[in-house]
Each structure stands twice: as structure tokens, then as C-alpha cells.
PDB file of all heavy atoms in Angstrom:
ATOM      1  N   LEU A   1      30.460  -1.519   1.912  1.00  0.00           N
ATOM      2  CA  LEU A   1      31.054  -2.420   2.887  1.00  0.00           C
ATOM      3  C   LEU A   1      31.842  -3.530   2.210  1.00  0.00           C
ATOM      4  O   LEU A   1      32.741  -4.122   2.801  1.00  0.00           O
ATOM      5  CB  LEU A   1      29.958  -3.030   3.779  1.00  0.00           C
ATOM      6  CG  LEU A   1      29.096  -2.005   4.540  1.00  0.00           C
ATOM      7  CD1 LEU A   1      27.998  -2.724   5.324  1.00  0.00           C
ATOM      8  CD2 LEU A   1      29.950  -1.152   5.466  1.00  0.00           C
ATOM      9  N   VAL A   2      31.450  -3.804   0.941  1.00  0.00           N
ATOM     10  CA  VAL A   2      32.122  -4.824   0.117  1.00  0.00           C
ATOM     11  C   VAL A   2      32.310  -4.219  -1.272  1.00  0.00           C
ATOM     12  O   VAL A   2      31.766  -3.148  -1.570  1.00  0.00           O
ATOM     13  CB  VAL A   2      31.284  -6.127   0.033  1.00  0.00           C
ATOM     14  CG1 VAL A   2      31.168  -6.779   1.414  1.00  0.00           C
ATOM     15  CG2 VAL A   2      29.894  -5.834  -0.528  1.00  0.00           C
ATOM     16  N   PRO A   3      33.096  -4.863  -2.165  1.00  0.00           N
ATOM     17  CA  PRO A   3      33.236  -4.337  -3.525  1.00  0.00           C
ATOM     18  C   PRO A   3      31.887  -4.076  -4.190  1.00  0.00           C
ATOM     19  O   PRO A   3      30.940  -4.850  -4.036  1.00  0.00           O
ATOM     20  CB  PRO A   3      34.024  -5.437  -4.249  1.00  0.00           C
ATOM     21  CG  PRO A   3      34.846  -6.051  -3.172  1.00  0.00           C
ATOM     22  CD  PRO A   3      33.970  -6.029  -1.946  1.00  0.00           C
ATOM     23  N   CYS A   4      31.805  -2.970  -4.915  1.00  0.00           N
ATOM     24  CA  CYS A   4      30.554  -2.513  -5.520  1.00  0.00           C
ATOM     25  C   CYS A   4      30.053  -3.508  -6.568  1.00  0.00           C
ATOM     26  O   CYS A   4      30.824  -4.010  -7.391  1.00  0.00           O
ATOM     27  CB  CYS A   4      30.766  -1.136  -6.148  1.00  0.00           C
ATOM     28  SG  CYS A   4      29.258  -0.288  -6.588  1.00  0.00           S
ATOM     29  N   THR A   5      28.758  -3.789  -6.549  1.00  0.00           N
ATOM     30  CA  THR A   5      28.142  -4.717  -7.495  1.00  0.00           C
ATOM     31  C   THR A   5      27.147  -3.972  -8.385  1.00  0.00           C
ATOM     32  O   THR A   5      26.815  -2.798  -8.150  1.00  0.00           O
ATOM     33  CB  THR A   5      27.410  -5.838  -6.757  1.00  0.00           C
ATOM     34  OG1 THR A   5      26.312  -5.253  -6.001  1.00  0.00           O
ATOM     35  CG2 THR A   5      28.348  -6.571  -5.794  1.00  0.00           C
ATOM     36  N   GLU A   6      26.632  -4.672  -9.400  1.00  0.00           N
ATOM     37  CA  GLU A   6      25.603  -4.099 -10.265  1.00  0.00           C
ATOM     38  C   GLU A   6      24.354  -3.733  -9.459  1.00  0.00           C
ATOM     39  O   GLU A   6      23.706  -2.726  -9.725  1.00  0.00           O
ATOM     40  CB  GLU A   6      25.232  -5.106 -11.364  1.00  0.00           C
ATOM     41  CG  GLU A   6      26.329  -5.382 -12.378  1.00  0.00           C
ATOM     42  CD  GLU A   6      26.467  -4.265 -13.406  1.00  0.00           C
ATOM     43  OE1 GLU A   6      25.702  -3.268 -13.328  1.00  0.00           O
ATOM     44  OE2 GLU A   6      27.339  -4.381 -14.275  1.00  0.00           O
ATOM     45  N   GLU A   7      24.029  -4.535  -8.461  1.00  0.00           N
ATOM     46  CA  GLU A   7      22.875  -4.248  -7.616  1.00  0.00           C
ATOM     47  C   GLU A   7      23.088  -2.951  -6.824  1.00  0.00           C
ATOM     48  O   GLU A   7      22.161  -2.161  -6.653  1.00  0.00           O
ATOM     49  CB  GLU A   7      22.628  -5.411  -6.654  1.00  0.00           C
ATOM     50  CG  GLU A   7      21.375  -5.250  -5.814  1.00  0.00           C
ATOM     51  CD  GLU A   7      21.114  -6.457  -4.937  1.00  0.00           C
ATOM     52  OE1 GLU A   7      21.736  -7.513  -5.177  1.00  0.00           O
ATOM     53  OE2 GLU A   7      20.285  -6.334  -4.012  1.00  0.00           O
ATOM     54  N   ASP A   8      24.328  -2.740  -6.372  1.00  0.00           N
ATOM     55  CA  ASP A   8      24.633  -1.488  -5.672  1.00  0.00           C
ATOM     56  C   ASP A   8      24.459  -0.290  -6.599  1.00  0.00           C
ATOM     57  O   ASP A   8      23.950   0.765  -6.178  1.00  0.00           O
ATOM     58  CB  ASP A   8      26.065  -1.516  -5.137  1.00  0.00           C
ATOM     59  CG  ASP A   8      26.262  -2.538  -4.034  1.00  0.00           C
ATOM     60  OD1 ASP A   8      25.312  -2.772  -3.271  1.00  0.00           O
ATOM     61  OD2 ASP A   8      27.373  -3.109  -3.955  1.00  0.00           O
ATOM     62  N   ILE A   9      24.892  -0.436  -7.852  1.00  0.00           N
ATOM     63  CA  ILE A   9      24.749   0.651  -8.830  1.00  0.00           C
ATOM     64  C   ILE A   9      23.274   0.970  -9.051  1.00  0.00           C
ATOM     65  O   ILE A   9      22.864   2.139  -9.100  1.00  0.00           O
ATOM     66  CB  ILE A   9      25.423   0.281 -10.162  1.00  0.00           C
ATOM     67  CG1 ILE A   9      26.910   0.019  -9.965  1.00  0.00           C
ATOM     68  CG2 ILE A   9      25.213   1.388 -11.189  1.00  0.00           C
ATOM     69  CD1 ILE A   9      27.690   1.207  -9.487  1.00  0.00           C
ATOM     70  N   HIS A  10      22.461  -0.075  -9.187  1.00  0.00           N
ATOM     71  CA  HIS A  10      21.022   0.124  -9.389  1.00  0.00           C
ATOM     72  C   HIS A  10      20.416   0.859  -8.192  1.00  0.00           C
ATOM     73  O   HIS A  10      19.622   1.796  -8.354  1.00  0.00           O
ATOM     74  CB  HIS A  10      20.330  -1.227  -9.594  1.00  0.00           C
ATOM     75  CG  HIS A  10      18.844  -1.123  -9.761  1.00  0.00           C
ATOM     76  ND1 HIS A  10      18.260  -0.617 -10.898  1.00  0.00           N
ATOM     77  CD2 HIS A  10      17.819  -1.447  -8.921  1.00  0.00           C
ATOM     78  CE1 HIS A  10      16.951  -0.628 -10.769  1.00  0.00           C
ATOM     79  NE2 HIS A  10      16.655  -1.130  -9.574  1.00  0.00           N
ATOM     80  N   GLN A  11      20.798   0.435  -6.977  1.00  0.00           N
ATOM     81  CA  GLN A  11      20.302   1.108  -5.773  1.00  0.00           C
ATOM     82  C   GLN A  11      20.724   2.574  -5.747  1.00  0.00           C
ATOM     83  O   GLN A  11      19.935   3.462  -5.407  1.00  0.00           O
ATOM     84  CB  GLN A  11      20.819   0.397  -4.523  1.00  0.00           C
ATOM     85  CG  GLN A  11      20.393   1.057  -3.225  1.00  0.00           C
ATOM     86  CD  GLN A  11      21.091   0.482  -2.006  1.00  0.00           C
ATOM     87  OE1 GLN A  11      21.799  -0.518  -2.106  1.00  0.00           O
ATOM     88  NE2 GLN A  11      20.894   1.106  -0.854  1.00  0.00           N
ATOM     89  N   LEU A  12      21.954   2.836  -6.140  1.00  0.00           N
ATOM     90  CA  LEU A  12      22.470   4.204  -6.174  1.00  0.00           C
ATOM     91  C   LEU A  12      21.658   5.070  -7.128  1.00  0.00           C
ATOM     92  O   LEU A  12      21.296   6.212  -6.827  1.00  0.00           O
ATOM     93  CB  LEU A  12      23.943   4.174  -6.579  1.00  0.00           C
ATOM     94  CG  LEU A  12      24.759   5.466  -6.474  1.00  0.00           C
ATOM     95  CD1 LEU A  12      24.796   5.964  -5.037  1.00  0.00           C
ATOM     96  CD2 LEU A  12      26.175   5.228  -7.007  1.00  0.00           C
ATOM     97  N   HIS A  13      21.355   4.519  -8.312  1.00  0.00           N
ATOM     98  CA  HIS A  13      20.552   5.248  -9.290  1.00  0.00           C
ATOM     99  C   HIS A  13      19.159   5.552  -8.732  1.00  0.00           C
ATOM    100  O   HIS A  13      18.635   6.664  -8.906  1.00  0.00           O
ATOM    101  CB  HIS A  13      20.428   4.446 -10.581  1.00  0.00           C
ATOM    102  CG  HIS A  13      21.699   4.345 -11.345  1.00  0.00           C
ATOM    103  ND1 HIS A  13      21.819   3.577 -12.488  1.00  0.00           N
ATOM    104  CD2 HIS A  13      22.922   4.899 -11.143  1.00  0.00           C
ATOM    105  CE1 HIS A  13      23.055   3.678 -12.955  1.00  0.00           C
ATOM    106  NE2 HIS A  13      23.738   4.474 -12.151  1.00  0.00           N
ATOM    107  N   MET A  14      18.540   4.554  -8.090  1.00  0.00           N
ATOM    108  CA  MET A  14      17.182   4.742  -7.572  1.00  0.00           C
ATOM    109  C   MET A  14      17.148   5.813  -6.477  1.00  0.00           C
ATOM    110  O   MET A  14      16.211   6.618  -6.410  1.00  0.00           O
ATOM    111  CB  MET A  14      16.633   3.418  -7.036  1.00  0.00           C
ATOM    112  CG  MET A  14      16.397   2.347  -8.103  1.00  0.00           C
ATOM    113  SD  MET A  14      15.265   2.892  -9.421  1.00  0.00           S
ATOM    114  CE  MET A  14      16.440   3.245 -10.749  1.00  0.00           C
ATOM    115  N   VAL A  15      18.162   5.834  -5.634  1.00  0.00           N
ATOM    116  CA  VAL A  15      18.226   6.857  -4.586  1.00  0.00           C
ATOM    117  C   VAL A  15      18.345   8.245  -5.220  1.00  0.00           C
ATOM    118  O   VAL A  15      17.693   9.205  -4.791  1.00  0.00           O
ATOM    119  CB  VAL A  15      19.407   6.588  -3.627  1.00  0.00           C
ATOM    120  CG1 VAL A  15      19.591   7.758  -2.656  1.00  0.00           C
ATOM    121  CG2 VAL A  15      19.193   5.296  -2.857  1.00  0.00           C
ATOM    122  N   ALA A  16      19.168   8.361  -6.275  1.00  0.00           N
ATOM    123  CA  ALA A  16      19.337   9.651  -6.947  1.00  0.00           C
ATOM    124  C   ALA A  16      18.045  10.088  -7.631  1.00  0.00           C
ATOM    125  O   ALA A  16      17.705  11.285  -7.617  1.00  0.00           O
ATOM    126  CB  ALA A  16      20.470   9.565  -7.959  1.00  0.00           C
ATOM    127  N   ILE A  17      17.317   9.152  -8.239  1.00  0.00           N
ATOM    128  CA  ILE A  17      16.062   9.496  -8.904  1.00  0.00           C
ATOM    129  C   ILE A  17      15.029   9.977  -7.887  1.00  0.00           C
ATOM    130  O   ILE A  17      14.298  10.946  -8.123  1.00  0.00           O
ATOM    131  CB  ILE A  17      15.527   8.291  -9.707  1.00  0.00           C
ATOM    132  CG1 ILE A  17      16.439   8.039 -10.918  1.00  0.00           C
ATOM    133  CG2 ILE A  17      14.101   8.530 -10.172  1.00  0.00           C
ATOM    134  CD1 ILE A  17      16.136   6.764 -11.652  1.00  0.00           C
ATOM    135  N   GLU A  18      14.966   9.312  -6.732  1.00  0.00           N
ATOM    136  CA  GLU A  18      14.053   9.761  -5.679  1.00  0.00           C
ATOM    137  C   GLU A  18      14.434  11.163  -5.210  1.00  0.00           C
ATOM    138  O   GLU A  18      13.573  11.998  -4.921  1.00  0.00           O
ATOM    139  CB  GLU A  18      14.065   8.782  -4.509  1.00  0.00           C
ATOM    140  CG  GLU A  18      13.380   7.462  -4.802  1.00  0.00           C
ATOM    141  CD  GLU A  18      11.926   7.641  -5.198  1.00  0.00           C
ATOM    142  OE1 GLU A  18      11.230   8.470  -4.558  1.00  0.00           O
ATOM    143  OE2 GLU A  18      11.491   6.979  -6.155  1.00  0.00           O
ATOM    144  N   SER A  19      15.736  11.419  -5.125  1.00  0.00           N
ATOM    145  CA  SER A  19      16.204  12.750  -4.755  1.00  0.00           C
ATOM    146  C   SER A  19      15.783  13.775  -5.799  1.00  0.00           C
ATOM    147  O   SER A  19      15.378  14.904  -5.461  1.00  0.00           O
ATOM    148  CB  SER A  19      17.727  12.746  -4.601  1.00  0.00           C
ATOM    149  OG  SER A  19      18.222  14.050  -4.361  1.00  0.00           O
ATOM    150  N   ALA A  20      15.859  13.389  -7.086  1.00  0.00           N
ATOM    151  CA  ALA A  20      15.444  14.303  -8.165  1.00  0.00           C
ATOM    152  C   ALA A  20      13.946  14.596  -8.077  1.00  0.00           C
ATOM    153  O   ALA A  20      13.514  15.738  -8.282  1.00  0.00           O
ATOM    154  CB  ALA A  20      15.790  13.698  -9.518  1.00  0.00           C
ATOM    155  N   LYS A  21      13.150  13.567  -7.775  1.00  0.00           N
ATOM    156  CA  LYS A  21      11.705  13.778  -7.639  1.00  0.00           C
ATOM    157  C   LYS A  21      11.400  14.760  -6.513  1.00  0.00           C
ATOM    158  O   LYS A  21      10.574  15.662  -6.659  1.00  0.00           O
ATOM    159  CB  LYS A  21      11.005  12.441  -7.376  1.00  0.00           C
ATOM    160  CG  LYS A  21      10.978  11.494  -8.560  1.00  0.00           C
ATOM    161  CD  LYS A  21      10.277  10.198  -8.188  1.00  0.00           C
ATOM    162  CE  LYS A  21      10.245   9.220  -9.356  1.00  0.00           C
ATOM    163  NZ  LYS A  21       9.597   7.950  -8.987  1.00  0.00           N
ATOM    164  N   SER A  22      12.083  14.566  -5.379  1.00  0.00           N
ATOM    165  CA  SER A  22      11.865  15.459  -4.239  1.00  0.00           C
ATOM    166  C   SER A  22      12.310  16.882  -4.573  1.00  0.00           C
ATOM    167  O   SER A  22      11.636  17.858  -4.232  1.00  0.00           O
ATOM    168  CB  SER A  22      12.632  14.948  -3.018  1.00  0.00           C
ATOM    169  OG  SER A  22      12.181  13.662  -2.639  1.00  0.00           O
ATOM    170  N   LYS A  23      13.450  16.984  -5.263  1.00  0.00           N
ATOM    171  CA  LYS A  23      13.972  18.294  -5.641  1.00  0.00           C
ATOM    172  C   LYS A  23      13.022  18.995  -6.594  1.00  0.00           C
ATOM    173  O   LYS A  23      12.760  20.199  -6.461  1.00  0.00           O
ATOM    174  CB  LYS A  23      15.358  18.130  -6.273  1.00  0.00           C
ATOM    175  CG  LYS A  23      16.062  19.426  -6.592  1.00  0.00           C
ATOM    176  CD  LYS A  23      17.463  19.147  -7.144  1.00  0.00           C
ATOM    177  CE  LYS A  23      18.194  20.442  -7.502  1.00  0.00           C
ATOM    178  NZ  LYS A  23      19.548  20.158  -8.053  1.00  0.00           N
ATOM    179  N   TRP A  24      12.502  18.239  -7.577  1.00  0.00           N
ATOM    180  CA  TRP A  24      11.561  18.839  -8.517  1.00  0.00           C
ATOM    181  C   TRP A  24      10.288  19.286  -7.800  1.00  0.00           C
ATOM    182  O   TRP A  24       9.754  20.363  -8.049  1.00  0.00           O
ATOM    183  CB  TRP A  24      11.201  17.867  -9.633  1.00  0.00           C
ATOM    184  CG  TRP A  24       9.991  18.324 -10.393  1.00  0.00           C
ATOM    185  CD1 TRP A  24       8.747  17.778 -10.390  1.00  0.00           C
ATOM    186  CD2 TRP A  24       9.895  19.481 -11.225  1.00  0.00           C
ATOM    187  NE1 TRP A  24       7.890  18.507 -11.160  1.00  0.00           N
ATOM    188  CE2 TRP A  24       8.570  19.555 -11.687  1.00  0.00           C
ATOM    189  CE3 TRP A  24      10.815  20.459 -11.621  1.00  0.00           C
ATOM    190  CZ2 TRP A  24       8.144  20.569 -12.525  1.00  0.00           C
ATOM    191  CZ3 TRP A  24      10.376  21.475 -12.460  1.00  0.00           C
ATOM    192  CH2 TRP A  24       9.053  21.521 -12.907  1.00  0.00           C
ATOM    193  N   GLY A  25       9.779  18.446  -6.868  1.00  0.00           N
ATOM    194  CA  GLY A  25       8.578  18.813  -6.125  1.00  0.00           C
ATOM    195  C   GLY A  25       8.781  20.078  -5.325  1.00  0.00           C
ATOM    196  O   GLY A  25       7.907  20.954  -5.280  1.00  0.00           O
ATOM    197  N   PHE A  26       9.957  20.227  -4.715  1.00  0.00           N
ATOM    198  CA  PHE A  26      10.263  21.435  -3.939  1.00  0.00           C
ATOM    199  C   PHE A  26      10.324  22.655  -4.847  1.00  0.00           C
ATOM    200  O   PHE A  26       9.750  23.705  -4.551  1.00  0.00           O
ATOM    201  CB  PHE A  26      11.593  21.260  -3.204  1.00  0.00           C
ATOM    202  CG  PHE A  26      12.031  22.481  -2.443  1.00  0.00           C
ATOM    203  CD1 PHE A  26      11.486  22.778  -1.201  1.00  0.00           C
ATOM    204  CD2 PHE A  26      12.986  23.354  -2.984  1.00  0.00           C
ATOM    205  CE1 PHE A  26      11.882  23.914  -0.506  1.00  0.00           C
ATOM    206  CE2 PHE A  26      13.378  24.488  -2.295  1.00  0.00           C
ATOM    207  CZ  PHE A  26      12.828  24.765  -1.047  1.00  0.00           C
ATOM    208  N   GLU A  27      11.019  22.520  -6.011  1.00  0.00           N
ATOM    209  CA  GLU A  27      11.127  23.641  -6.938  1.00  0.00           C
ATOM    210  C   GLU A  27       9.761  24.014  -7.521  1.00  0.00           C
ATOM    211  O   GLU A  27       9.457  25.191  -7.725  1.00  0.00           O
ATOM    212  CB  GLU A  27      12.108  23.295  -8.063  1.00  0.00           C
ATOM    213  CG  GLU A  27      13.553  23.164  -7.598  1.00  0.00           C
ATOM    214  CD  GLU A  27      14.489  22.756  -8.730  1.00  0.00           C
ATOM    215  OE1 GLU A  27      13.984  22.461  -9.829  1.00  0.00           O
ATOM    216  OE2 GLU A  27      15.711  22.734  -8.504  1.00  0.00           O
ATOM    217  N   ALA A  28       8.950  22.992  -7.793  1.00  0.00           N
ATOM    218  CA  ALA A  28       7.628  23.258  -8.362  1.00  0.00           C
ATOM    219  C   ALA A  28       6.758  24.007  -7.369  1.00  0.00           C
ATOM    220  O   ALA A  28       6.040  24.950  -7.733  1.00  0.00           O
ATOM    221  CB  ALA A  28       6.966  21.943  -8.775  1.00  0.00           C
ATOM    222  N   ARG A  29       6.805  23.605  -6.103  1.00  0.00           N
ATOM    223  CA  ARG A  29       6.013  24.310  -5.087  1.00  0.00           C
ATOM    224  C   ARG A  29       6.508  25.744  -4.903  1.00  0.00           C
ATOM    225  O   ARG A  29       5.707  26.673  -4.740  1.00  0.00           O
ATOM    226  CB  ARG A  29       6.079  23.549  -3.763  1.00  0.00           C
ATOM    227  CG  ARG A  29       5.277  22.253  -3.752  1.00  0.00           C
ATOM    228  CD  ARG A  29       5.178  21.685  -2.344  1.00  0.00           C
ATOM    229  NE  ARG A  29       6.486  21.311  -1.818  1.00  0.00           N
ATOM    230  CZ  ARG A  29       7.042  20.119  -1.998  1.00  0.00           C
ATOM    231  NH1 ARG A  29       6.406  19.206  -2.705  1.00  0.00           N
ATOM    232  NH2 ARG A  29       8.226  19.850  -1.478  1.00  0.00           N
TER     233      ARG A  29
END
């Protein structure tokens, strides 16, 4: 909504890591 900040980058990384955890859990099952 506004120019991207360092905090936005950190949030983006955390969302991707959570996605990776979910993806790994699905593949493991």
C-alpha cells in the first residue's frame, strides 16, 4: 500500500518460511 520497507521484507520472509513448513509437513505426511 506504501513503498516497501525493511519490516515488509521481514514479514514477507516469515510468510514464506511458514509456507515452507506447511509444504514440508504435507510432503512428509
